[in-house]
């Protein structure tokens, strides 16, 4: 099956996002951590992850604010989505909000799970995952209006690190010798 230009662009963006994420995560596992919890207890680990994930929540807040702002200044949209389909003014912000909500829920769950099972010295991976989430959301949002190819890097840079975190947490839950 031959891919059209948009599909090839999406594939390139997804591959670039995956490669970028792998390099950042790989470096994060090899270099000294940028931050660690104050103590190696479950409570400190979870608090550390939650503090890091406040940045993830800020992305969700920003996308909610963008939709609210768009609705406020649109006579067609101010009544809410139950009363009319979205205008072009808020269609993209709503799509970005929906995807950010989906990504944030999975990312926060993965980061919390990872915080409970990572070796203490590797907990610095969590803030790096949040940085990748932020880079991904910024790129996704900036590219959304230009098509699937333009948002693919951002999607991949948000999604792949989260999947990595979830699978790593699962692997460490089953067998703690996944990391060197």
N, C-alpha and C. Protein backbone atom coordinates (compact mmCIF):
# COMPACT_ATOMS: atom_id res chain seq x y z
N UNK A 1 0.83 -1.17 0.00
CA UNK A 1 0.00 0.00 0.00
C UNK A 1 0.89 1.25 0.00
N UNK A 2 0.71 2.08 -0.96
CA UNK A 2 1.48 3.31 -1.07
C UNK A 2 0.90 4.37 -0.13
N UNK A 3 1.78 5.08 0.54
CA UNK A 3 1.35 6.14 1.44
C UNK A 3 1.30 7.47 0.69
N UNK A 4 0.31 8.28 1.02
CA UNK A 4 0.26 9.61 0.40
C UNK A 4 1.22 10.54 1.14
N UNK A 5 1.35 11.76 0.66
CA UNK A 5 2.32 12.71 1.22
C UNK A 5 2.06 13.00 2.70
N UNK A 6 0.79 13.13 3.07
CA UNK A 6 0.46 13.41 4.47
C UNK A 6 0.86 12.24 5.36
N UNK A 7 0.58 11.02 4.91
CA UNK A 7 0.95 9.83 5.69
C UNK A 7 2.46 9.72 5.83
N UNK A 8 3.19 10.01 4.77
CA UNK A 8 4.66 9.98 4.86
C UNK A 8 5.15 11.05 5.84
N UNK A 9 4.51 12.21 5.82
CA UNK A 9 4.87 13.27 6.76
C UNK A 9 4.60 12.86 8.20
N UNK A 10 3.48 12.20 8.42
CA UNK A 10 3.16 11.70 9.76
C UNK A 10 4.20 10.67 10.19
N UNK A 11 4.53 9.74 9.31
CA UNK A 11 5.52 8.71 9.64
C UNK A 11 6.86 9.35 9.99
N UNK A 12 7.28 10.36 9.23
CA UNK A 12 8.55 11.04 9.53
C UNK A 12 8.48 11.76 10.88
N UNK A 13 7.37 12.43 11.14
CA UNK A 13 7.22 13.14 12.41
C UNK A 13 7.19 12.19 13.60
N UNK A 14 6.49 11.08 13.45
CA UNK A 14 6.43 10.08 14.53
C UNK A 14 7.81 9.48 14.77
N UNK A 15 8.53 9.16 13.69
CA UNK A 15 9.88 8.60 13.83
C UNK A 15 10.81 9.60 14.49
N UNK A 16 10.73 10.87 14.09
CA UNK A 16 11.58 11.90 14.70
C UNK A 16 11.25 12.05 16.18
N UNK A 17 9.97 12.03 16.53
CA UNK A 17 9.57 12.13 17.93
C UNK A 17 10.05 10.94 18.74
N UNK A 18 9.96 9.76 18.16
CA UNK A 18 10.43 8.55 18.85
C UNK A 18 11.94 8.61 19.06
N UNK A 19 12.68 9.01 18.04
CA UNK A 19 14.14 9.10 18.15
C UNK A 19 14.53 10.15 19.18
N UNK A 20 13.94 11.33 19.10
CA UNK A 20 14.23 12.40 20.06
C UNK A 20 13.95 11.92 21.49
N UNK A 21 12.82 11.28 21.69
CA UNK A 21 12.44 10.79 23.02
C UNK A 21 13.41 9.73 23.51
N UNK A 22 13.81 8.82 22.63
CA UNK A 22 14.75 7.77 23.01
C UNK A 22 16.09 8.35 23.43
N UNK A 23 16.55 9.36 22.70
CA UNK A 23 17.83 10.00 23.05
C UNK A 23 17.73 10.68 24.42
N UNK A 24 16.66 11.41 24.65
CA UNK A 24 16.49 12.10 25.94
C UNK A 24 16.37 11.09 27.08
N UNK A 25 15.57 10.06 26.91
CA UNK A 25 15.41 9.04 27.95
C UNK A 25 16.73 8.30 28.17
N UNK A 26 17.41 7.93 27.09
CA UNK A 26 18.70 7.25 27.22
C UNK A 26 19.71 8.09 27.96
N UNK A 27 19.80 9.36 27.60
CA UNK A 27 20.72 10.26 28.30
C UNK A 27 20.32 10.40 29.76
N UNK A 28 19.02 10.47 30.00
CA UNK A 28 18.53 10.60 31.36
C UNK A 28 18.86 9.42 32.24
N UNK A 29 18.92 8.25 31.64
CA UNK A 29 19.28 7.06 32.42
C UNK A 29 20.78 6.95 32.65
N UNK A 30 21.58 7.57 31.77
CA UNK A 30 23.04 7.47 31.90
C UNK A 30 23.66 8.62 32.69
N UNK A 31 23.04 9.79 32.66
CA UNK A 31 23.59 10.96 33.33
C UNK A 31 23.08 11.06 34.76
N UNK A 32 23.76 11.84 35.59
CA UNK A 32 23.24 12.05 36.95
C UNK A 32 21.86 12.69 36.88
N UNK A 33 20.98 12.34 37.81
CA UNK A 33 19.61 12.88 37.77
C UNK A 33 19.58 14.39 38.01
N UNK A 34 18.62 15.05 37.37
CA UNK A 34 18.47 16.49 37.57
C UNK A 34 17.74 16.79 38.88
N UNK A 35 17.02 15.82 39.39
CA UNK A 35 16.30 15.99 40.67
C UNK A 35 15.96 14.61 41.21
N UNK A 36 15.89 14.51 42.53
CA UNK A 36 15.49 13.28 43.20
C UNK A 36 14.62 13.65 44.40
N UNK A 37 13.81 12.70 44.88
CA UNK A 37 13.04 12.96 46.10
C UNK A 37 13.99 13.13 47.29
N UNK A 38 13.48 13.74 48.36
CA UNK A 38 14.28 13.98 49.55
C UNK A 38 14.66 12.69 50.26
N UNK A 39 13.84 11.67 50.16
CA UNK A 39 14.11 10.39 50.83
C UNK A 39 13.52 9.26 49.98
N UNK A 40 14.02 8.07 50.23
CA UNK A 40 13.58 6.90 49.46
C UNK A 40 12.45 6.17 50.17
N UNK A 41 11.30 6.82 50.24
CA UNK A 41 10.10 6.18 50.78
C UNK A 41 9.01 6.30 49.71
N UNK A 42 8.01 5.46 49.81
CA UNK A 42 6.92 5.52 48.84
C UNK A 42 6.24 6.89 48.86
N UNK A 43 6.04 7.44 50.04
CA UNK A 43 5.39 8.75 50.14
C UNK A 43 6.21 9.83 49.43
N UNK A 44 7.51 9.85 49.67
CA UNK A 44 8.36 10.85 49.01
C UNK A 44 8.42 10.62 47.50
N UNK A 45 8.46 9.37 47.09
CA UNK A 45 8.48 9.06 45.65
C UNK A 45 7.20 9.57 44.97
N UNK A 46 6.06 9.28 45.58
CA UNK A 46 4.79 9.72 44.99
C UNK A 46 4.66 11.24 45.01
N UNK A 47 5.08 11.85 46.11
CA UNK A 47 5.04 13.31 46.19
C UNK A 47 5.95 13.93 45.12
N UNK A 48 7.10 13.34 44.90
CA UNK A 48 8.04 13.81 43.87
C UNK A 48 7.38 13.74 42.49
N UNK A 49 6.77 12.61 42.19
CA UNK A 49 6.11 12.45 40.88
C UNK A 49 4.94 13.43 40.74
N UNK A 50 4.16 13.59 41.79
CA UNK A 50 3.03 14.53 41.72
C UNK A 50 3.50 15.96 41.51
N UNK A 51 4.58 16.32 42.18
CA UNK A 51 5.12 17.68 41.98
C UNK A 51 5.59 17.86 40.55
N UNK A 52 6.26 16.87 40.02
CA UNK A 52 6.69 16.94 38.62
C UNK A 52 5.47 17.04 37.71
N UNK A 53 4.45 16.27 38.01
CA UNK A 53 3.27 16.21 37.15
C UNK A 53 2.37 17.44 37.26
N UNK A 54 2.69 18.36 38.15
CA UNK A 54 1.98 19.64 38.13
C UNK A 54 2.18 20.33 36.78
N UNK A 55 3.34 20.11 36.18
CA UNK A 55 3.60 20.68 34.85
C UNK A 55 2.65 20.06 33.83
N UNK A 56 2.43 18.75 33.93
CA UNK A 56 1.47 18.09 33.04
C UNK A 56 0.08 18.70 33.23
N UNK A 57 -0.30 18.91 34.49
CA UNK A 57 -1.60 19.53 34.77
C UNK A 57 -1.68 20.95 34.22
N UNK A 58 -0.57 21.67 34.23
CA UNK A 58 -0.57 23.03 33.67
C UNK A 58 -0.88 23.02 32.18
N UNK A 59 -0.41 21.99 31.47
CA UNK A 59 -0.75 21.88 30.04
C UNK A 59 -2.24 21.68 29.86
N UNK A 60 -2.83 20.89 30.73
CA UNK A 60 -4.27 20.68 30.67
C UNK A 60 -5.01 21.99 30.98
N UNK A 61 -4.56 22.70 31.99
CA UNK A 61 -5.16 23.99 32.34
C UNK A 61 -5.06 24.96 31.17
N UNK A 62 -3.91 25.00 30.51
CA UNK A 62 -3.72 25.91 29.38
C UNK A 62 -4.68 25.60 28.24
N UNK A 63 -4.90 24.32 27.98
CA UNK A 63 -5.81 23.96 26.88
C UNK A 63 -7.26 24.23 27.25
N UNK A 64 -7.61 24.03 28.52
CA UNK A 64 -8.96 24.38 28.98
C UNK A 64 -9.16 25.89 28.84
N UNK A 65 -8.17 26.66 29.23
CA UNK A 65 -8.27 28.12 29.13
C UNK A 65 -8.41 28.56 27.68
N UNK A 66 -7.71 27.90 26.77
CA UNK A 66 -7.82 28.27 25.35
C UNK A 66 -9.24 28.05 24.83
N UNK A 67 -9.85 26.94 25.23
CA UNK A 67 -11.24 26.68 24.81
C UNK A 67 -12.18 27.69 25.47
N UNK A 68 -12.00 27.92 26.76
CA UNK A 68 -12.87 28.88 27.46
C UNK A 68 -12.76 30.27 26.84
N UNK A 69 -11.55 30.68 26.53
CA UNK A 69 -11.34 31.98 25.91
C UNK A 69 -12.02 32.05 24.54
N UNK A 70 -11.86 30.99 23.76
CA UNK A 70 -12.49 30.94 22.45
C UNK A 70 -14.01 30.98 22.54
N UNK A 71 -14.56 30.28 23.52
CA UNK A 71 -16.02 30.28 23.71
C UNK A 71 -16.52 31.67 24.11
N UNK A 72 -15.80 32.31 25.02
CA UNK A 72 -16.22 33.61 25.54
C UNK A 72 -16.36 34.64 24.42
N UNK A 73 -15.46 34.58 23.45
CA UNK A 73 -15.47 35.58 22.38
C UNK A 73 -16.19 35.10 21.12
N UNK A 74 -16.98 34.04 21.24
CA UNK A 74 -17.72 33.53 20.09
C UNK A 74 -19.20 33.39 20.46
N UNK A 75 -20.04 34.17 19.80
CA UNK A 75 -21.48 34.10 20.08
C UNK A 75 -22.02 32.70 19.80
N UNK A 76 -21.47 32.03 18.82
CA UNK A 76 -21.93 30.69 18.47
C UNK A 76 -21.53 29.66 19.52
N UNK A 77 -20.39 29.87 20.17
CA UNK A 77 -19.84 28.86 21.08
C UNK A 77 -20.09 29.12 22.55
N UNK A 78 -20.50 30.32 22.91
CA UNK A 78 -20.56 30.68 24.32
C UNK A 78 -21.54 29.82 25.11
N UNK A 79 -22.59 29.32 24.48
CA UNK A 79 -23.59 28.50 25.19
C UNK A 79 -23.03 27.13 25.58
N UNK A 80 -22.02 26.64 24.87
CA UNK A 80 -21.43 25.35 25.20
C UNK A 80 -21.65 24.31 24.13
N UNK A 81 -20.91 23.23 24.24
CA UNK A 81 -20.93 22.19 23.20
C UNK A 81 -22.23 21.41 23.15
N UNK A 82 -23.03 21.45 24.19
CA UNK A 82 -24.31 20.74 24.18
C UNK A 82 -25.33 21.41 23.28
N UNK A 83 -25.08 22.66 22.90
CA UNK A 83 -26.09 23.42 22.18
C UNK A 83 -25.78 23.66 20.71
N UNK A 84 -24.55 23.46 20.31
CA UNK A 84 -24.18 23.65 18.89
C UNK A 84 -22.82 23.03 18.64
N UNK A 85 -22.59 22.56 17.42
CA UNK A 85 -21.25 22.07 17.10
C UNK A 85 -20.25 23.22 17.21
N UNK A 86 -18.99 22.93 17.49
CA UNK A 86 -18.01 24.01 17.67
C UNK A 86 -17.77 24.79 16.37
N UNK A 87 -17.54 26.07 16.54
CA UNK A 87 -17.16 26.89 15.39
C UNK A 87 -15.69 26.61 15.07
N UNK A 88 -15.25 27.14 13.94
CA UNK A 88 -13.83 26.99 13.60
C UNK A 88 -12.94 27.63 14.65
N UNK A 89 -13.44 28.66 15.31
CA UNK A 89 -12.66 29.38 16.31
C UNK A 89 -12.20 28.46 17.45
N UNK A 90 -13.04 27.51 17.83
CA UNK A 90 -12.64 26.64 18.94
C UNK A 90 -12.45 25.18 18.53
N UNK A 91 -12.62 24.84 17.28
CA UNK A 91 -12.47 23.44 16.86
C UNK A 91 -11.07 22.92 17.15
N UNK A 92 -10.05 23.66 16.79
CA UNK A 92 -8.67 23.21 17.06
C UNK A 92 -8.37 23.23 18.55
N UNK A 93 -8.68 24.31 19.28
CA UNK A 93 -8.44 24.25 20.73
C UNK A 93 -9.16 23.08 21.42
N UNK A 94 -10.39 22.76 20.97
CA UNK A 94 -11.09 21.61 21.57
C UNK A 94 -10.38 20.31 21.26
N UNK A 95 -9.89 20.16 20.04
CA UNK A 95 -9.17 18.93 19.67
C UNK A 95 -7.88 18.81 20.47
N UNK A 96 -7.17 19.93 20.63
CA UNK A 96 -5.93 19.92 21.42
C UNK A 96 -6.24 19.60 22.88
N UNK A 97 -7.31 20.20 23.42
CA UNK A 97 -7.73 19.91 24.79
C UNK A 97 -8.05 18.43 24.96
N UNK A 98 -8.83 17.86 24.06
CA UNK A 98 -9.21 16.46 24.17
C UNK A 98 -7.99 15.55 24.16
N UNK A 99 -7.07 15.80 23.23
CA UNK A 99 -5.87 14.97 23.15
C UNK A 99 -4.99 15.18 24.38
N UNK A 100 -4.89 16.41 24.85
CA UNK A 100 -4.06 16.69 26.03
C UNK A 100 -4.65 16.01 27.26
N UNK A 101 -5.96 16.01 27.40
CA UNK A 101 -6.60 15.31 28.51
C UNK A 101 -6.27 13.83 28.47
N UNK A 102 -6.42 13.22 27.31
CA UNK A 102 -6.11 11.80 27.17
C UNK A 102 -4.65 11.52 27.51
N UNK A 103 -3.76 12.32 26.95
CA UNK A 103 -2.32 12.12 27.19
C UNK A 103 -1.97 12.36 28.66
N UNK A 104 -2.56 13.38 29.28
CA UNK A 104 -2.24 13.71 30.66
C UNK A 104 -2.67 12.61 31.62
N UNK A 105 -3.85 12.06 31.42
CA UNK A 105 -4.34 10.99 32.30
C UNK A 105 -3.38 9.80 32.27
N UNK A 106 -3.00 9.39 31.09
CA UNK A 106 -2.10 8.24 30.96
C UNK A 106 -0.71 8.57 31.50
N UNK A 107 -0.21 9.77 31.20
CA UNK A 107 1.13 10.16 31.65
C UNK A 107 1.21 10.20 33.17
N UNK A 108 0.24 10.83 33.80
CA UNK A 108 0.28 10.93 35.27
C UNK A 108 0.20 9.55 35.90
N UNK A 109 -0.67 8.70 35.39
CA UNK A 109 -0.75 7.33 35.92
C UNK A 109 0.57 6.59 35.74
N UNK A 110 1.17 6.72 34.57
CA UNK A 110 2.45 6.04 34.30
C UNK A 110 3.55 6.58 35.20
N UNK A 111 3.60 7.90 35.37
CA UNK A 111 4.64 8.50 36.21
C UNK A 111 4.49 8.08 37.67
N UNK A 112 3.25 8.04 38.16
CA UNK A 112 3.03 7.61 39.54
C UNK A 112 3.42 6.15 39.73
N UNK A 113 3.03 5.31 38.79
CA UNK A 113 3.41 3.89 38.88
C UNK A 113 4.92 3.75 38.83
N UNK A 114 5.55 4.47 37.92
CA UNK A 114 7.00 4.40 37.77
C UNK A 114 7.70 4.86 39.05
N UNK A 115 7.17 5.88 39.69
CA UNK A 115 7.78 6.40 40.92
C UNK A 115 7.84 5.35 42.02
N UNK A 116 6.92 4.40 42.00
CA UNK A 116 6.90 3.39 43.06
C UNK A 116 7.84 2.22 42.81
N UNK A 117 8.31 2.07 41.57
CA UNK A 117 9.10 0.87 41.26
C UNK A 117 10.51 1.15 40.73
N UNK A 118 10.79 2.37 40.30
CA UNK A 118 12.13 2.67 39.79
C UNK A 118 13.16 2.58 40.91
N UNK A 119 14.37 2.13 40.58
CA UNK A 119 15.45 2.27 41.57
C UNK A 119 15.60 3.76 41.91
N UNK A 120 15.95 4.05 43.15
CA UNK A 120 16.01 5.44 43.60
C UNK A 120 16.87 6.30 42.69
N UNK A 121 18.02 5.79 42.27
CA UNK A 121 18.96 6.57 41.44
C UNK A 121 18.36 6.90 40.07
N UNK A 122 17.32 6.18 39.66
CA UNK A 122 16.71 6.41 38.34
C UNK A 122 15.47 7.30 38.40
N UNK A 123 15.08 7.76 39.58
CA UNK A 123 13.87 8.59 39.70
C UNK A 123 13.98 9.92 38.97
N UNK A 124 15.20 10.34 38.66
CA UNK A 124 15.38 11.55 37.87
C UNK A 124 14.80 11.43 36.47
N UNK A 125 14.43 10.22 36.09
CA UNK A 125 13.78 10.00 34.80
C UNK A 125 12.41 10.69 34.75
N UNK A 126 11.74 10.77 35.88
CA UNK A 126 10.38 11.32 35.89
C UNK A 126 10.35 12.79 35.45
N UNK A 127 11.21 13.67 35.99
CA UNK A 127 11.19 15.04 35.46
C UNK A 127 11.54 15.11 33.97
N UNK A 128 12.40 14.21 33.50
CA UNK A 128 12.70 14.20 32.06
C UNK A 128 11.48 13.80 31.25
N UNK A 129 10.71 12.86 31.75
CA UNK A 129 9.48 12.47 31.06
C UNK A 129 8.50 13.65 31.01
N UNK A 130 8.48 14.45 32.06
CA UNK A 130 7.62 15.64 32.08
C UNK A 130 8.13 16.68 31.08
N UNK A 131 9.44 16.82 30.97
CA UNK A 131 10.00 17.74 29.97
C UNK A 131 9.60 17.27 28.57
N UNK A 132 9.70 15.97 28.31
CA UNK A 132 9.29 15.45 27.01
C UNK A 132 7.80 15.68 26.78
N UNK A 133 6.99 15.50 27.80
CA UNK A 133 5.55 15.77 27.68
C UNK A 133 5.35 17.23 27.26
N UNK A 134 6.08 18.13 27.90
CA UNK A 134 5.94 19.56 27.60
C UNK A 134 6.39 19.90 26.19
N UNK A 135 7.52 19.37 25.78
CA UNK A 135 8.00 19.60 24.41
C UNK A 135 6.98 19.05 23.42
N UNK A 136 6.48 17.86 23.72
CA UNK A 136 5.49 17.23 22.84
C UNK A 136 4.20 18.02 22.74
N UNK A 137 3.69 18.49 23.88
CA UNK A 137 2.44 19.26 23.85
C UNK A 137 2.63 20.58 23.10
N UNK A 138 3.76 21.24 23.32
CA UNK A 138 4.00 22.51 22.62
C UNK A 138 4.06 22.29 21.11
N UNK A 139 4.76 21.24 20.70
CA UNK A 139 4.88 20.96 19.26
C UNK A 139 3.53 20.52 18.67
N UNK A 140 2.78 19.72 19.41
CA UNK A 140 1.47 19.26 18.96
C UNK A 140 0.54 20.45 18.76
N UNK A 141 0.46 21.30 19.76
CA UNK A 141 -0.43 22.45 19.72
C UNK A 141 -0.03 23.40 18.59
N UNK A 142 1.26 23.67 18.48
CA UNK A 142 1.74 24.59 17.43
C UNK A 142 1.48 24.04 16.03
N UNK A 143 1.57 22.73 15.87
CA UNK A 143 1.41 22.13 14.56
C UNK A 143 0.01 21.74 14.17
N UNK A 144 -0.91 21.73 15.13
CA UNK A 144 -2.23 21.16 14.87
C UNK A 144 -2.92 21.77 13.67
N UNK A 145 -2.91 23.06 13.56
CA UNK A 145 -3.62 23.74 12.48
C UNK A 145 -3.01 23.53 11.10
N UNK A 146 -1.80 22.99 11.05
CA UNK A 146 -1.13 22.78 9.76
C UNK A 146 -1.26 21.34 9.27
N UNK A 147 -1.97 20.50 9.99
CA UNK A 147 -2.21 19.14 9.51
C UNK A 147 -1.55 18.07 10.35
N UNK A 148 -1.91 16.83 10.04
CA UNK A 148 -1.42 15.68 10.80
C UNK A 148 0.10 15.58 10.78
N UNK A 149 0.70 15.87 9.63
CA UNK A 149 2.17 15.78 9.55
C UNK A 149 2.84 16.78 10.49
N UNK A 150 2.22 17.93 10.70
CA UNK A 150 2.82 18.98 11.52
C UNK A 150 2.65 18.73 13.02
N UNK A 151 1.69 17.90 13.38
CA UNK A 151 1.51 17.60 14.81
C UNK A 151 2.08 16.24 15.20
N UNK A 152 2.56 15.46 14.25
CA UNK A 152 3.02 14.10 14.52
C UNK A 152 4.20 14.06 15.48
N UNK A 153 5.19 14.95 15.29
CA UNK A 153 6.34 14.98 16.20
C UNK A 153 5.87 15.22 17.63
N UNK A 154 4.99 16.18 17.81
CA UNK A 154 4.49 16.49 19.14
C UNK A 154 3.71 15.35 19.76
N UNK A 155 2.88 14.70 18.94
CA UNK A 155 2.14 13.55 19.44
C UNK A 155 3.10 12.46 19.90
N UNK A 156 4.07 12.14 19.05
CA UNK A 156 5.02 11.07 19.37
C UNK A 156 5.85 11.41 20.60
N UNK A 157 6.25 12.67 20.73
CA UNK A 157 7.10 13.07 21.84
C UNK A 157 6.31 13.10 23.15
N UNK A 158 5.02 13.16 23.08
CA UNK A 158 4.17 13.03 24.26
C UNK A 158 3.84 11.56 24.53
N UNK A 159 3.46 10.85 23.49
CA UNK A 159 2.92 9.49 23.63
C UNK A 159 3.98 8.43 23.91
N UNK A 160 5.03 8.40 23.11
CA UNK A 160 6.02 7.32 23.25
C UNK A 160 6.71 7.30 24.62
N UNK A 161 7.12 8.44 25.18
CA UNK A 161 7.71 8.37 26.52
C UNK A 161 6.73 7.88 27.57
N UNK A 162 5.46 8.21 27.41
CA UNK A 162 4.45 7.74 28.36
C UNK A 162 4.27 6.23 28.25
N UNK A 163 4.24 5.72 27.04
CA UNK A 163 4.13 4.27 26.85
C UNK A 163 5.36 3.58 27.42
N UNK A 164 6.53 4.16 27.15
CA UNK A 164 7.77 3.62 27.72
C UNK A 164 7.67 3.57 29.24
N UNK A 165 7.21 4.66 29.86
CA UNK A 165 7.09 4.72 31.32
C UNK A 165 6.12 3.66 31.84
N UNK A 166 4.99 3.50 31.17
CA UNK A 166 4.01 2.51 31.61
C UNK A 166 4.55 1.09 31.48
N UNK A 167 5.20 0.82 30.35
CA UNK A 167 5.75 -0.53 30.16
C UNK A 167 6.91 -0.80 31.11
N UNK A 168 7.74 0.21 31.36
CA UNK A 168 8.84 0.05 32.31
C UNK A 168 8.29 -0.20 33.71
N UNK A 169 7.28 0.55 34.10
CA UNK A 169 6.67 0.34 35.42
C UNK A 169 6.09 -1.07 35.53
N UNK A 170 5.45 -1.51 34.47
CA UNK A 170 4.91 -2.87 34.46
C UNK A 170 6.03 -3.90 34.55
N UNK A 171 7.06 -3.70 33.76
CA UNK A 171 8.20 -4.62 33.79
C UNK A 171 8.87 -4.67 35.14
N UNK A 172 9.07 -3.51 35.77
CA UNK A 172 9.70 -3.47 37.08
C UNK A 172 8.78 -4.04 38.16
N UNK A 173 7.49 -3.97 37.94
CA UNK A 173 6.54 -4.56 38.89
C UNK A 173 6.60 -6.08 38.84
N UNK A 174 6.82 -6.61 37.65
CA UNK A 174 6.87 -8.06 37.46
C UNK A 174 8.24 -8.62 37.79
N UNK A 175 9.28 -7.94 37.33
CA UNK A 175 10.65 -8.39 37.55
C UNK A 175 11.56 -7.20 37.76
N UNK A 176 12.09 -7.01 38.95
CA UNK A 176 12.84 -5.80 39.25
C UNK A 176 14.20 -5.67 38.56
N UNK A 177 14.62 -6.63 37.79
CA UNK A 177 15.94 -6.56 37.17
C UNK A 177 15.89 -6.09 35.72
N UNK A 178 14.93 -5.24 35.39
CA UNK A 178 14.80 -4.73 34.03
C UNK A 178 15.88 -3.69 33.73
N UNK A 179 16.22 -2.86 34.72
CA UNK A 179 17.26 -1.84 34.55
C UNK A 179 18.60 -2.38 35.04
N UNK A 180 19.70 -1.89 34.45
CA UNK A 180 21.03 -2.32 34.92
C UNK A 180 21.33 -1.81 36.31
